[in-house]
Amino acid sequence: TRTYISWHDTADAQKVFWKRVVKALYNKRKPTRQ
C-alpha cells in the first residue's frame, strides 16, 4: 500500500532518487536543522 523510492545504478536515475528522498524528508512546517 506504499509508494517506494527506488535506488538504481545509473547516474541519471540516482539524481532523481536523491531528489525524491529529500522531498520526502523535507517538512514544510520547519526543518529540524535551520
Full PDB file with SEQRES, HELIX, SHEET, SSBOND, CRYST1, ORIGX, SCALE, CONECT and MASTER records, all heavy atoms in Angstrom:
SEQRES   1 A   34  THR ARG THR TYR ILE SER TRP HIS ASP THR ALA ASP ALA          
SEQRES   2 A   34  GLN LYS VAL PHE TRP LYS ARG VAL VAL LYS ALA LEU TYR          
SEQRES   3 A   34  ASN LYS ARG LYS PRO THR ARG GLN                              
HELIX    1 AA1 ALA A   11  LEU A   25  1                                  15    
CRYST1    1.000    1.000    1.000  90.00  90.00  90.00 P 1           1          
ORIGX1      1.000000  0.000000  0.000000        0.00000                         
ORIGX2      0.000000  1.000000  0.000000        0.00000                         
ORIGX3      0.000000  0.000000  1.000000        0.00000                         
SCALE1      1.000000  0.000000  0.000000        0.00000                         
SCALE2      0.000000  1.000000  0.000000        0.00000                         
SCALE3      0.000000  0.000000  1.000000        0.00000                         
ATOM      1  N   THR A   1       0.806  -1.224   0.000  1.00  0.00           N  
ATOM      2  CA  THR A   1       0.000   0.000   0.000  1.00  0.00           C  
ATOM      3  C   THR A   1       0.840   1.276   0.000  1.00  0.00           C  
ATOM      4  O   THR A   1       0.290   2.369   0.101  1.00  0.00           O  
ATOM      5  CB  THR A   1      -0.933   0.021   1.227  1.00  0.00           C  
ATOM      6  OG1 THR A   1      -0.157  -0.103   2.428  1.00  0.00           O  
ATOM      7  CG2 THR A   1      -1.925  -1.141   1.159  1.00  0.00           C  
ATOM      8  N   ARG A   2       2.165   1.145  -0.114  1.00  0.00           N  
ATOM      9  CA  ARG A   2       3.033   2.321  -0.079  1.00  0.00           C  
ATOM     10  C   ARG A   2       3.800   2.491  -1.392  1.00  0.00           C  
ATOM     11  O   ARG A   2       4.146   1.523  -2.053  1.00  0.00           O  
ATOM     12  CB  ARG A   2       4.056   2.207   1.068  1.00  0.00           C  
ATOM     13  CG  ARG A   2       3.440   2.143   2.460  1.00  0.00           C  
ATOM     14  CD  ARG A   2       2.637   3.390   2.764  1.00  0.00           C  
ATOM     15  NE  ARG A   2       2.016   3.330   4.051  1.00  0.00           N  
ATOM     16  CZ  ARG A   2       2.496   3.915   5.157  1.00  0.00           C  
ATOM     17  NH1 ARG A   2       3.617   4.603   5.085  1.00  0.00           N  
ATOM     18  NH2 ARG A   2       1.849   3.810   6.302  1.00  0.00           N  
ATOM     19  N   THR A   3       4.079   3.733  -1.729  1.00  0.00           N  
ATOM     20  CA  THR A   3       4.911   4.039  -2.889  1.00  0.00           C  
ATOM     21  C   THR A   3       6.375   3.991  -2.483  1.00  0.00           C  
ATOM     22  O   THR A   3       6.767   4.590  -1.485  1.00  0.00           O  
ATOM     23  CB  THR A   3       4.572   5.440  -3.427  1.00  0.00           C  
ATOM     24  OG1 THR A   3       3.200   5.471  -3.821  1.00  0.00           O  
ATOM     25  CG2 THR A   3       5.448   5.773  -4.622  1.00  0.00           C  
ATOM     26  N   TYR A   4       7.162   3.266  -3.243  1.00  0.00           N  
ATOM     27  CA  TYR A   4       8.592   3.143  -2.968  1.00  0.00           C  
ATOM     28  C   TYR A   4       9.368   4.268  -3.635  1.00  0.00           C  
ATOM     29  O   TYR A   4       8.947   4.833  -4.629  1.00  0.00           O  
ATOM     30  CB  TYR A   4       9.125   1.827  -3.537  1.00  0.00           C  
ATOM     31  CG  TYR A   4       8.695   0.582  -2.806  1.00  0.00           C  
ATOM     32  CD1 TYR A   4       7.405   0.082  -2.935  1.00  0.00           C  
ATOM     33  CD2 TYR A   4       9.593  -0.117  -2.011  1.00  0.00           C  
ATOM     34  CE1 TYR A   4       7.017  -1.073  -2.283  1.00  0.00           C  
ATOM     35  CE2 TYR A   4       9.219  -1.268  -1.360  1.00  0.00           C  
ATOM     36  CZ  TYR A   4       7.929  -1.748  -1.495  1.00  0.00           C  
ATOM     37  OH  TYR A   4       7.552  -2.887  -0.846  1.00  0.00           O  
ATOM     38  N   ILE A   5      10.546   4.543  -3.081  1.00  0.00           N  
ATOM     39  CA  ILE A   5      11.552   5.339  -3.768  1.00  0.00           C  
ATOM     40  C   ILE A   5      12.673   4.369  -4.111  1.00  0.00           C  
ATOM     41  O   ILE A   5      13.307   3.808  -3.213  1.00  0.00           O  
ATOM     42  CB  ILE A   5      12.069   6.495  -2.899  1.00  0.00           C  
ATOM     43  CG1 ILE A   5      10.918   7.407  -2.479  1.00  0.00           C  
ATOM     44  CG2 ILE A   5      13.129   7.291  -3.657  1.00  0.00           C  
ATOM     45  CD1 ILE A   5      11.327   8.547  -1.563  1.00  0.00           C  
ATOM     46  N   SER A   6      12.899   4.138  -5.392  1.00  0.00           N  
ATOM     47  CA  SER A   6      13.791   3.058  -5.819  1.00  0.00           C  
ATOM     48  C   SER A   6      15.199   3.547  -6.142  1.00  0.00           C  
ATOM     49  O   SER A   6      15.381   4.561  -6.803  1.00  0.00           O  
ATOM     50  CB  SER A   6      13.205   2.356  -7.050  1.00  0.00           C  
ATOM     51  OG  SER A   6      11.958   1.770  -6.741  1.00  0.00           O  
ATOM     52  N   TRP A   7      16.180   2.779  -5.672  1.00  0.00           N  
ATOM     53  CA  TRP A   7      17.583   3.031  -5.958  1.00  0.00           C  
ATOM     54  C   TRP A   7      17.975   2.321  -7.254  1.00  0.00           C  
ATOM     55  O   TRP A   7      17.609   1.174  -7.475  1.00  0.00           O  
ATOM     56  CB  TRP A   7      18.449   2.526  -4.815  1.00  0.00           C  
ATOM     57  CG  TRP A   7      19.916   2.544  -5.099  1.00  0.00           C  
ATOM     58  CD1 TRP A   7      20.707   1.478  -5.427  1.00  0.00           C  
ATOM     59  CD2 TRP A   7      20.779   3.689  -5.071  1.00  0.00           C  
ATOM     60  NE1 TRP A   7      22.009   1.886  -5.599  1.00  0.00           N  
ATOM     61  CE2 TRP A   7      22.083   3.233  -5.389  1.00  0.00           C  
ATOM     62  CE3 TRP A   7      20.582   5.046  -4.804  1.00  0.00           C  
ATOM     63  CZ2 TRP A   7      23.176   4.093  -5.448  1.00  0.00           C  
ATOM     64  CZ3 TRP A   7      21.663   5.900  -4.861  1.00  0.00           C  
ATOM     65  CH2 TRP A   7      22.944   5.427  -5.170  1.00  0.00           C  
ATOM     66  N   HIS A   8      18.713   3.032  -8.125  1.00  0.00           N  
ATOM     67  CA  HIS A   8      19.183   2.441  -9.372  1.00  0.00           C  
ATOM     68  C   HIS A   8      20.676   2.710  -9.530  1.00  0.00           C  
ATOM     69  O   HIS A   8      21.243   3.596  -8.880  1.00  0.00           O  
ATOM     70  CB  HIS A   8      18.422   3.029 -10.564  1.00  0.00           C  
ATOM     71  CG  HIS A   8      16.956   2.747 -10.534  1.00  0.00           C  
ATOM     72  ND1 HIS A   8      16.428   1.515 -10.829  1.00  0.00           N  
ATOM     73  CD2 HIS A   8      15.895   3.548 -10.223  1.00  0.00           C  
ATOM     74  CE1 HIS A   8      15.107   1.558 -10.722  1.00  0.00           C  
ATOM     75  NE2 HIS A   8      14.768   2.779 -10.348  1.00  0.00           N  
ATOM     76  N   ASP A   9      21.317   1.967 -10.424  1.00  0.00           N  
ATOM     77  CA  ASP A   9      22.757   2.093 -10.609  1.00  0.00           C  
ATOM     78  C   ASP A   9      23.162   3.226 -11.546  1.00  0.00           C  
ATOM     79  O   ASP A   9      24.306   3.679 -11.518  1.00  0.00           O  
ATOM     80  CB  ASP A   9      23.331   0.773 -11.146  1.00  0.00           C  
ATOM     81  CG  ASP A   9      23.257  -0.345 -10.117  1.00  0.00           C  
ATOM     82  OD1 ASP A   9      23.304  -0.026  -8.911  1.00  0.00           O  
ATOM     83  OD2 ASP A   9      23.135  -1.519 -10.512  1.00  0.00           O  
ATOM     84  N   THR A  10      22.263   3.693 -12.396  1.00  0.00           N  
ATOM     85  CA  THR A  10      22.627   4.727 -13.366  1.00  0.00           C  
ATOM     86  C   THR A  10      22.655   6.107 -12.721  1.00  0.00           C  
ATOM     87  O   THR A  10      21.888   6.399 -11.803  1.00  0.00           O  
ATOM     88  CB  THR A  10      21.639   4.741 -14.538  1.00  0.00           C  
ATOM     89  OG1 THR A  10      20.344   5.128 -14.060  1.00  0.00           O  
ATOM     90  CG2 THR A  10      21.542   3.366 -15.182  1.00  0.00           C  
ATOM     91  N   ALA A  11      23.526   6.959 -13.238  1.00  0.00           N  
ATOM     92  CA  ALA A  11      23.710   8.291 -12.653  1.00  0.00           C  
ATOM     93  C   ALA A  11      22.444   9.141 -12.749  1.00  0.00           C  
ATOM     94  O   ALA A  11      22.079   9.837 -11.797  1.00  0.00           O  
ATOM     95  CB  ALA A  11      24.870   9.000 -13.350  1.00  0.00           C  
ATOM     96  N   ASP A  12      21.762   9.109 -13.894  1.00  0.00           N  
ATOM     97  CA  ASP A  12      20.547   9.913 -14.062  1.00  0.00           C  
ATOM     98  C   ASP A  12      19.456   9.475 -13.084  1.00  0.00           C  
ATOM     99  O   ASP A  12      18.770  10.313 -12.484  1.00  0.00           O  
ATOM    100  CB  ASP A  12      20.026   9.798 -15.498  1.00  0.00           C  
ATOM    101  CG  ASP A  12      20.876  10.588 -16.487  1.00  0.00           C  
ATOM    102  OD1 ASP A  12      21.631  11.473 -16.025  1.00  0.00           O  
ATOM    103  OD2 ASP A  12      20.782  10.324 -17.697  1.00  0.00           O  
ATOM    104  N   ALA A  13      19.295   8.174 -12.936  1.00  0.00           N  
ATOM    105  CA  ALA A  13      18.273   7.662 -12.018  1.00  0.00           C  
ATOM    106  C   ALA A  13      18.622   7.988 -10.573  1.00  0.00           C  
ATOM    107  O   ALA A  13      17.739   8.272  -9.758  1.00  0.00           O  
ATOM    108  CB  ALA A  13      18.100   6.153 -12.203  1.00  0.00           C  
ATOM    109  N   GLN A  14      19.905   7.982 -10.245  1.00  0.00           N  
ATOM    110  CA  GLN A  14      20.311   8.312  -8.883  1.00  0.00           C  
ATOM    111  C   GLN A  14      20.055   9.782  -8.565  1.00  0.00           C  
ATOM    112  O   GLN A  14      19.720  10.130  -7.429  1.00  0.00           O  
ATOM    113  CB  GLN A  14      21.789   7.985  -8.685  1.00  0.00           C  
ATOM    114  CG  GLN A  14      22.056   6.492  -8.598  1.00  0.00           C  
ATOM    115  CD  GLN A  14      23.515   6.161  -8.453  1.00  0.00           C  
ATOM    116  OE1 GLN A  14      24.340   7.037  -8.142  1.00  0.00           O  
ATOM    117  NE2 GLN A  14      23.873   4.899  -8.675  1.00  0.00           N  
ATOM    118  N   LYS A  15      20.184  10.632  -9.562  1.00  0.00           N  
ATOM    119  CA  LYS A  15      19.873  12.050  -9.354  1.00  0.00           C  
ATOM    120  C   LYS A  15      18.416  12.227  -8.967  1.00  0.00           C  
ATOM    121  O   LYS A  15      18.071  12.992  -8.053  1.00  0.00           O  
ATOM    122  CB  LYS A  15      20.184  12.838 -10.628  1.00  0.00           C  
ATOM    123  CG  LYS A  15      19.936  14.338 -10.507  1.00  0.00           C  
ATOM    124  CD  LYS A  15      20.317  15.051 -11.790  1.00  0.00           C  
ATOM    125  CE  LYS A  15      20.054  16.551 -11.673  1.00  0.00           C  
ATOM    126  NZ  LYS A  15      20.387  17.266 -12.937  1.00  0.00           N  
ATOM    127  N   VAL A  16      17.544  11.513  -9.650  1.00  0.00           N  
ATOM    128  CA  VAL A  16      16.117  11.571  -9.321  1.00  0.00           C  
ATOM    129  C   VAL A  16      15.862  10.950  -7.948  1.00  0.00           C  
ATOM    130  O   VAL A  16      15.055  11.449  -7.163  1.00  0.00           O  
ATOM    131  CB  VAL A  16      15.283  10.854 -10.406  1.00  0.00           C  
ATOM    132  CG1 VAL A  16      13.807  10.828 -10.026  1.00  0.00           C  
ATOM    133  CG2 VAL A  16      15.459  11.554 -11.744  1.00  0.00           C  
ATOM    134  N   PHE A  17      16.565   9.864  -7.659  1.00  0.00           N  
ATOM    135  CA  PHE A  17      16.411   9.205  -6.359  1.00  0.00           C  
ATOM    136  C   PHE A  17      16.674  10.179  -5.215  1.00  0.00           C  
ATOM    137  O   PHE A  17      15.865  10.307  -4.294  1.00  0.00           O  
ATOM    138  CB  PHE A  17      17.370   8.015  -6.259  1.00  0.00           C  
ATOM    139  CG  PHE A  17      17.453   7.411  -4.889  1.00  0.00           C  
ATOM    140  CD1 PHE A  17      16.520   6.481  -4.462  1.00  0.00           C  
ATOM    141  CD2 PHE A  17      18.476   7.777  -4.012  1.00  0.00           C  
ATOM    142  CE1 PHE A  17      16.588   5.929  -3.190  1.00  0.00           C  
ATOM    143  CE2 PHE A  17      18.552   7.241  -2.737  1.00  0.00           C  
ATOM    144  CZ  PHE A  17      17.610   6.306  -2.329  1.00  0.00           C  
ATOM    145  N   TRP A  18      17.798  10.873  -5.259  1.00  0.00           N  
ATOM    146  CA  TRP A  18      18.139  11.782  -4.169  1.00  0.00           C  
ATOM    147  C   TRP A  18      17.146  12.931  -4.067  1.00  0.00           C  
ATOM    148  O   TRP A  18      16.794  13.374  -2.969  1.00  0.00           O  
ATOM    149  CB  TRP A  18      19.563  12.314  -4.348  1.00  0.00           C  
ATOM    150  CG  TRP A  18      20.612  11.266  -4.176  1.00  0.00           C  
ATOM    151  CD1 TRP A  18      21.508  10.833  -5.105  1.00  0.00           C  
ATOM    152  CD2 TRP A  18      20.865  10.484  -2.995  1.00  0.00           C  
ATOM    153  NE1 TRP A  18      22.302   9.836  -4.595  1.00  0.00           N  
ATOM    154  CE2 TRP A  18      21.926   9.606  -3.301  1.00  0.00           C  
ATOM    155  CE3 TRP A  18      20.296  10.451  -1.730  1.00  0.00           C  
ATOM    156  CZ2 TRP A  18      22.436   8.701  -2.367  1.00  0.00           C  
ATOM    157  CZ3 TRP A  18      20.795   9.547  -0.803  1.00  0.00           C  
ATOM    158  CH2 TRP A  18      21.846   8.690  -1.123  1.00  0.00           C  
ATOM    159  N   LYS A  19      16.684  13.396  -5.212  1.00  0.00           N  
ATOM    160  CA  LYS A  19      15.689  14.471  -5.197  1.00  0.00           C  
ATOM    161  C   LYS A  19      14.401  14.008  -4.515  1.00  0.00           C  
ATOM    162  O   LYS A  19      13.796  14.734  -3.717  1.00  0.00           O  
ATOM    163  CB  LYS A  19      15.400  14.923  -6.625  1.00  0.00           C  
ATOM    164  CG  LYS A  19      14.446  16.125  -6.712  1.00  0.00           C  
ATOM    165  CD  LYS A  19      14.115  16.474  -8.151  1.00  0.00           C  
ATOM    166  CE  LYS A  19      15.347  16.907  -8.896  1.00  0.00           C  
ATOM    167  NZ  LYS A  19      15.032  17.354 -10.278  1.00  0.00           N  
ATOM    168  N   ARG A  20      13.988  12.798  -4.822  1.00  0.00           N  
ATOM    169  CA  ARG A  20      12.756  12.270  -4.235  1.00  0.00           C  
ATOM    170  C   ARG A  20      12.898  12.037  -2.735  1.00  0.00           C  
ATOM    171  O   ARG A  20      11.965  12.287  -1.957  1.00  0.00           O  
ATOM    172  CB  ARG A  20      12.352  10.972  -4.936  1.00  0.00           C  
ATOM    173  CG  ARG A  20      11.971  11.162  -6.394  1.00  0.00           C  
ATOM    174  CD  ARG A  20      11.429   9.869  -6.973  1.00  0.00           C  
ATOM    175  NE  ARG A  20      10.132   9.543  -6.398  1.00  0.00           N  
ATOM    176  CZ  ARG A  20       9.528   8.371  -6.528  1.00  0.00           C  
ATOM    177  NH1 ARG A  20      10.126   7.396  -7.194  1.00  0.00           N  
ATOM    178  NH2 ARG A  20       8.349   8.158  -5.994  1.00  0.00           N  
ATOM    179  N   VAL A  21      14.056  11.541  -2.306  1.00  0.00           N  
ATOM    180  CA  VAL A  21      14.283  11.317  -0.882  1.00  0.00           C  
ATOM    181  C   VAL A  21      14.258  12.632  -0.119  1.00  0.00           C  
ATOM    182  O   VAL A  21      13.630  12.753   0.931  1.00  0.00           O  
ATOM    183  CB  VAL A  21      15.624  10.580  -0.652  1.00  0.00           C  
ATOM    184  CG1 VAL A  21      15.957  10.524   0.838  1.00  0.00           C  
ATOM    185  CG2 VAL A  21      15.561   9.168  -1.211  1.00  0.00           C  
ATOM    186  N   VAL A  22      14.938  13.639  -0.656  1.00  0.00           N  
ATOM    187  CA  VAL A  22      14.973  14.951   0.002  1.00  0.00           C  
ATOM    188  C   VAL A  22      13.570  15.533   0.115  1.00  0.00           C  
ATOM    189  O   VAL A  22      13.175  16.053   1.170  1.00  0.00           O  
ATOM    190  CB  VAL A  22      15.908  15.913  -0.767  1.00  0.00           C  
ATOM    191  CG1 VAL A  22      15.733  17.339  -0.270  1.00  0.00           C  
ATOM    192  CG2 VAL A  22      17.356  15.466  -0.607  1.00  0.00           C  
ATOM    193  N   LYS A  23      12.786  15.434  -0.945  1.00  0.00           N  
ATOM    194  CA  LYS A  23      11.425  15.966  -0.909  1.00  0.00           C  
ATOM    195  C   LYS A  23      10.558  15.204   0.088  1.00  0.00           C  
ATOM    196  O   LYS A  23       9.691  15.778   0.737  1.00  0.00           O  
ATOM    197  CB  LYS A  23      10.798  15.922  -2.304  1.00  0.00           C  
ATOM    198  CG  LYS A  23      11.363  16.973  -3.242  1.00  0.00           C  
ATOM    199  CD  LYS A  23      10.622  16.976  -4.568  1.00  0.00           C  
ATOM    200  CE  LYS A  23      11.142  18.085  -5.472  1.00  0.00           C  
ATOM    201  NZ  LYS A  23      10.443  18.129  -6.770  1.00  0.00           N  
ATOM    202  N   ALA A  24      10.785  13.893   0.200  1.00  0.00           N  
ATOM    203  CA  ALA A  24      10.009  13.100   1.149  1.00  0.00           C  
ATOM    204  C   ALA A  24      10.359  13.469   2.594  1.00  0.00           C  
ATOM    205  O   ALA A  24       9.504  13.440   3.482  1.00  0.00           O  
ATOM    206  CB  ALA A  24      10.258  11.611   0.916  1.00  0.00           C  
ATOM    207  N   LEU A  25      11.622  13.824   2.835  1.00  0.00           N  
ATOM    208  CA  LEU A  25      12.061  14.169   4.185  1.00  0.00           C  
ATOM    209  C   LEU A  25      11.758  15.611   4.561  1.00  0.00           C  
ATOM    210  O   LEU A  25      11.589  15.929   5.741  1.00  0.00           O  
ATOM    211  CB  LEU A  25      13.567  13.941   4.324  1.00  0.00           C  
ATOM    212  CG  LEU A  25      14.054  12.498   4.315  1.00  0.00           C  
ATOM    213  CD1 LEU A  25      15.571  12.469   4.418  1.00  0.00           C  
ATOM    214  CD2 LEU A  25      13.438  11.724   5.447  1.00  0.00           C  
ATOM    215  N   TYR A  26      11.703  16.468   3.562  1.00  0.00           N  
ATOM    216  CA  TYR A  26      11.535  17.894   3.847  1.00  0.00           C  
ATOM    217  C   TYR A  26      10.159  18.166   4.427  1.00  0.00           C  
ATOM    218  O   TYR A  26       9.145  17.756   3.887  1.00  0.00           O  
ATOM    219  CB  TYR A  26      11.755  18.704   2.584  1.00  0.00           C  
ATOM    220  CG  TYR A  26      11.683  20.204   2.823  1.00  0.00           C  
ATOM    221  CD1 TYR A  26      12.555  20.807   3.717  1.00  0.00           C  
ATOM    222  CD2 TYR A  26      10.751  20.985   2.172  1.00  0.00           C  
ATOM    223  CE1 TYR A  26      12.499  22.163   3.940  1.00  0.00           C  
ATOM    224  CE2 TYR A  26      10.683  22.356   2.396  1.00  0.00           C  
ATOM    225  CZ  TYR A  26      11.562  22.941   3.282  1.00  0.00           C  
ATOM    226  OH  TYR A  26      11.496  24.281   3.510  1.00  0.00           O  
ATOM    227  N   ASN A  27      10.121  18.890   5.533  1.00  0.00           N  
ATOM    228  CA  ASN A  27       8.874  19.206   6.223  1.00  0.00           C  
ATOM    229  C   ASN A  27       8.599  20.689   6.067  1.00  0.00           C  
ATOM    230  O   ASN A  27       9.388  21.517   6.478  1.00  0.00           O  
ATOM    231  CB  ASN A  27       8.995  18.839   7.710  1.00  0.00           C  
ATOM    232  CG  ASN A  27       7.669  18.931   8.428  1.00  0.00           C  
ATOM    233  OD1 ASN A  27       6.901  19.860   8.217  1.00  0.00           O  
ATOM    234  ND2 ASN A  27       7.411  17.969   9.294  1.00  0.00           N  
ATOM    235  N   LYS A  28       7.465  21.021   5.480  1.00  0.00           N  
ATOM    236  CA  LYS A  28       7.153  22.432   5.214  1.00  0.00           C  
ATOM    237  C   LYS A  28       6.965  23.250   6.486  1.00  0.00           C  
ATOM    238  O   LYS A  28       7.066  24.465   6.462  1.00  0.00           O  
ATOM    239  CB  LYS A  28       5.874  22.533   4.361  1.00  0.00           C  
ATOM    240  CG  LYS A  28       6.040  21.965   2.951  1.00  0.00           C  
ATOM    241  CD  LYS A  28       7.071  22.731   2.164  1.00  0.00           C  
ATOM    242  CE  LYS A  28       7.170  22.217   0.735  1.00  0.00           C  
ATOM    243  NZ  LYS A  28       8.194  22.917  -0.034  1.00  0.00           N  
ATOM    244  N   ARG A  29       6.653  22.564   7.620  1.00  0.00           N  
ATOM    245  CA  ARG A  29       6.465  23.327   8.855  1.00  0.00           C  
ATOM    246  C   ARG A  29       7.780  23.968   9.290  1.00  0.00           C  
ATOM    247  O   ARG A  29       7.916  25.159   9.376  1.00  0.00           O  
ATOM    248  CB  ARG A  29       5.945  22.404   9.965  1.00  0.00           C  
ATOM    249  CG  ARG A  29       4.546  21.870   9.707  1.00  0.00           C  
ATOM    250  CD  ARG A  29       4.116  20.931  10.805  1.00  0.00           C  
ATOM    251  NE  ARG A  29       5.057  19.818  10.946  1.00  0.00           N  
ATOM    252  CZ  ARG A  29       4.919  18.861  11.844  1.00  0.00           C  
ATOM    253  NH1 ARG A  29       3.908  18.892  12.681  1.00  0.00           N  
ATOM    254  NH2 ARG A  29       5.798  17.878  11.910  1.00  0.00           N  
ATOM    255  N   LYS A  30       8.767  23.140   9.586  1.00  0.00           N  
ATOM    256  CA  LYS A  30      10.101  23.641   9.933  1.00  0.00           C  
ATOM    257  C   LYS A  30      11.051  22.453   9.846  1.00  0.00           C  
ATOM    258  O   LYS A  30      10.753  21.392  10.381  1.00  0.00           O  
ATOM    259  CB  LYS A  30      10.139  24.207  11.366  1.00  0.00           C  
ATOM    260  CG  LYS A  30       9.279  25.435  11.572  1.00  0.00           C  
ATOM    261  CD  LYS A  30      10.133  26.604  11.921  1.00  0.00           C  
ATOM    262  CE  LYS A  30       9.264  27.841  12.168  1.00  0.00           C  
ATOM    263  NZ  LYS A  30       9.848  28.971  11.509  1.00  0.00           N  
ATOM    264  N   PRO A  31      12.213  22.595   9.207  1.00  0.00           N  
ATOM    265  CA  PRO A  31      13.190  21.506   9.227  1.00  0.00           C  
ATOM    266  C   PRO A  31      13.803  21.386  10.612  1.00  0.00           C  
ATOM    267  O   PRO A  31      13.820  22.337  11.377  1.00  0.00           O  
ATOM    268  CB  PRO A  31      14.230  21.942   8.201  1.00  0.00           C  
ATOM    269  CG  PRO A  31      14.108  23.420   8.146  1.00  0.00           C  
ATOM    270  CD  PRO A  31      12.664  23.743   8.426  1.00  0.00           C  
ATOM    271  N   THR A  32      14.322  20.214  10.934  1.00  0.00           N  
ATOM    272  CA  THR A  32      14.919  20.009  12.241  1.00  0.00           C  
ATOM    273  C   THR A  32      16.111  20.922  12.446  1.00  0.00           C  
ATOM    274  O   THR A  32      16.287  21.508  13.494  1.00  0.00           O  
ATOM    275  CB  THR A  32      15.350  18.542  12.397  1.00  0.00           C  
ATOM    276  OG1 THR A  32      14.209  17.728  12.135  1.00  0.00           O  
ATOM    277  CG2 THR A  32      15.855  18.258  13.791  1.00  0.00           C  
ATOM    278  N   ARG A  33      16.943  21.030  11.403  1.00  0.00           N  
ATOM    279  CA  ARG A  33      18.104  21.911  11.470  1.00  0.00           C  
ATOM    280  C   ARG A  33      17.851  23.145  10.616  1.00  0.00           C  
ATOM    281  O   ARG A  33      17.679  23.046   9.423  1.00  0.00           O  
ATOM    282  CB  ARG A  33      19.354  21.198  10.954  1.00  0.00           C  
ATOM    283  CG  ARG A  33      19.920  20.160  11.914  1.00  0.00           C  
ATOM    284  CD  ARG A  33      21.202  19.608  11.348  1.00  0.00           C  
ATOM    285  NE  ARG A  33      21.869  18.728  12.276  1.00  0.00           N  
ATOM    286  CZ  ARG A  33      23.025  18.129  12.030  1.00  0.00           C  
ATOM    287  NH1 ARG A  33      23.622  18.327  10.879  1.00  0.00           N  
ATOM    288  NH2 ARG A  33      23.573  17.338  12.917  1.00  0.00           N  
ATOM    289  N   GLN A  34      17.848  24.287  11.238  1.00  0.00           N  
ATOM    290  CA  GLN A  34      17.616  25.515  10.497  1.00  0.00           C  
ATOM    291  C   GLN A  34      18.671  25.733   9.420  1.00  0.00           C  
ATOM    292  O   GLN A  34      18.414  26.300   8.380  1.00  0.00           O  
ATOM    293  CB  GLN A  34      17.602  26.701  11.460  1.00  0.00           C  
ATOM    294  CG  GLN A  34      16.462  26.656  12.474  1.00  0.00           C  
ATOM    295  CD  GLN A  34      15.116  26.798  11.825  1.00  0.00           C  
ATOM    296  OE1 GLN A  34      14.996  27.392  10.759  1.00  0.00           O  
ATOM    297  NE2 GLN A  34      14.082  26.242  12.427  1.00  0.00           N  
TER     298      GLN A  34                                                      
MASTER        0    0    0    1    0    0    0    6  297    1    0    3          
END                                                                             
